[in-house]
């Protein structure tokens, strides 16, 4: 739901792991694990960005 809150009208969102972790009150490693699981199950697509 945190990603849905951030997404634009087309469904795209690009929050950092830090932002997601703060929004859901979890540590960053937990968020990374959950994102990996969602990606493996094709429930979301993650694209790494380099700043």
C-alpha atoms as a PDB file:
ATOM      1  CA  UNK A   1       0.000   0.000   0.000  1.00  0.00           C
ATOM      2  CA  UNK A   2       2.891   2.366   0.637  1.00  0.00           C
ATOM      3  CA  UNK A   3       3.899   2.203  -3.010  1.00  0.00           C
ATOM      4  CA  UNK A   4       0.294   2.743  -4.105  1.00  0.00           C
ATOM      5  CA  UNK A   5       0.144   5.892  -1.975  1.00  0.00           C
ATOM      6  CA  UNK A   6       3.211   7.257  -3.748  1.00  0.00           C
ATOM      7  CA  UNK A   7       2.325   6.138  -7.308  1.00  0.00           C
ATOM      8  CA  UNK A   8       1.207   8.558  -9.995  1.00  0.00           C
ATOM      9  CA  UNK A   9      -1.997   8.129 -12.048  1.00  0.00           C
ATOM     10  CA  UNK A  10      -0.250   5.657 -14.380  1.00  0.00           C
ATOM     11  CA  UNK A  11       0.847   3.493 -11.436  1.00  0.00           C
ATOM     12  CA  UNK A  12       4.525   4.419 -11.512  1.00  0.00           C
ATOM     13  CA  UNK A  13       6.474   5.240  -8.371  1.00  0.00           C
ATOM     14  CA  UNK A  14      10.138   5.580  -7.591  1.00  0.00           C
ATOM     15  CA  UNK A  15      10.528   5.778  -3.815  1.00  0.00           C
ATOM     16  CA  UNK A  16      13.801   4.915  -2.178  1.00  0.00           C
ATOM     17  CA  UNK A  17      14.052   1.983   0.220  1.00  0.00           C
ATOM     18  CA  UNK A  18      14.610   4.562   2.958  1.00  0.00           C
ATOM     19  CA  UNK A  19      11.335   6.328   2.076  1.00  0.00           C
ATOM     20  CA  UNK A  20       9.358   3.078   2.020  1.00  0.00           C
ATOM     21  CA  UNK A  21      10.882   1.914   5.304  1.00  0.00           C
ATOM     22  CA  UNK A  22       9.990   5.183   7.017  1.00  0.00           C
ATOM     23  CA  UNK A  23       6.442   5.111   5.625  1.00  0.00           C
ATOM     24  CA  UNK A  24       5.738   1.580   6.882  1.00  0.00           C
ATOM     25  CA  UNK A  25       7.829   1.810  10.088  1.00  0.00           C
ATOM     26  CA  UNK A  26      10.163  -1.043   9.157  1.00  0.00           C
ATOM     27  CA  UNK A  27      13.911  -1.280   8.809  1.00  0.00           C
ATOM     28  CA  UNK A  28      15.437  -0.971   5.359  1.00  0.00           C
ATOM     29  CA  UNK A  29      16.610  -4.611   5.168  1.00  0.00           C
ATOM     30  CA  UNK A  30      13.052  -5.839   5.790  1.00  0.00           C
ATOM     31  CA  UNK A  31      11.741  -3.606   3.021  1.00  0.00           C
ATOM     32  CA  UNK A  32      14.441  -4.904   0.674  1.00  0.00           C
ATOM     33  CA  UNK A  33      13.475  -8.521   1.466  1.00  0.00           C
ATOM     34  CA  UNK A  34       9.795  -7.822   0.847  1.00  0.00           C
ATOM     35  CA  UNK A  35      10.538  -6.037  -2.443  1.00  0.00           C
ATOM     36  CA  UNK A  36      12.634  -9.017  -3.587  1.00  0.00           C
ATOM     37  CA  UNK A  37       9.763 -11.398  -2.777  1.00  0.00           C
ATOM     38  CA  UNK A  38       7.249  -9.237  -4.626  1.00  0.00           C
ATOM     39  CA  UNK A  39       9.567  -8.994  -7.620  1.00  0.00           C
ATOM     40  CA  UNK A  40      10.146 -12.777  -7.712  1.00  0.00           C
ATOM     41  CA  UNK A  41       6.374 -13.315  -7.711  1.00  0.00           C
ATOM     42  CA  UNK A  42       5.963 -10.741 -10.515  1.00  0.00           C
ATOM     43  CA  UNK A  43       3.786  -8.543  -8.298  1.00  0.00           C
ATOM     44  CA  UNK A  44       6.013  -5.518  -8.867  1.00  0.00           C
ATOM     45  CA  UNK A  45       8.923  -4.482 -11.040  1.00  0.00           C
ATOM     46  CA  UNK A  46      11.958  -2.865  -9.460  1.00  0.00           C
ATOM     47  CA  UNK A  47      14.484  -0.919 -11.423  1.00  0.00           C
ATOM     48  CA  UNK A  48      17.622   0.183  -9.668  1.00  0.00           C
ATOM     49  CA  UNK A  49      18.644   3.781 -10.112  1.00  0.00           C
ATOM     50  CA  UNK A  50      22.022   5.263  -9.474  1.00  0.00           C
ATOM     51  CA  UNK A  51      22.127   8.799  -8.138  1.00  0.00           C
END
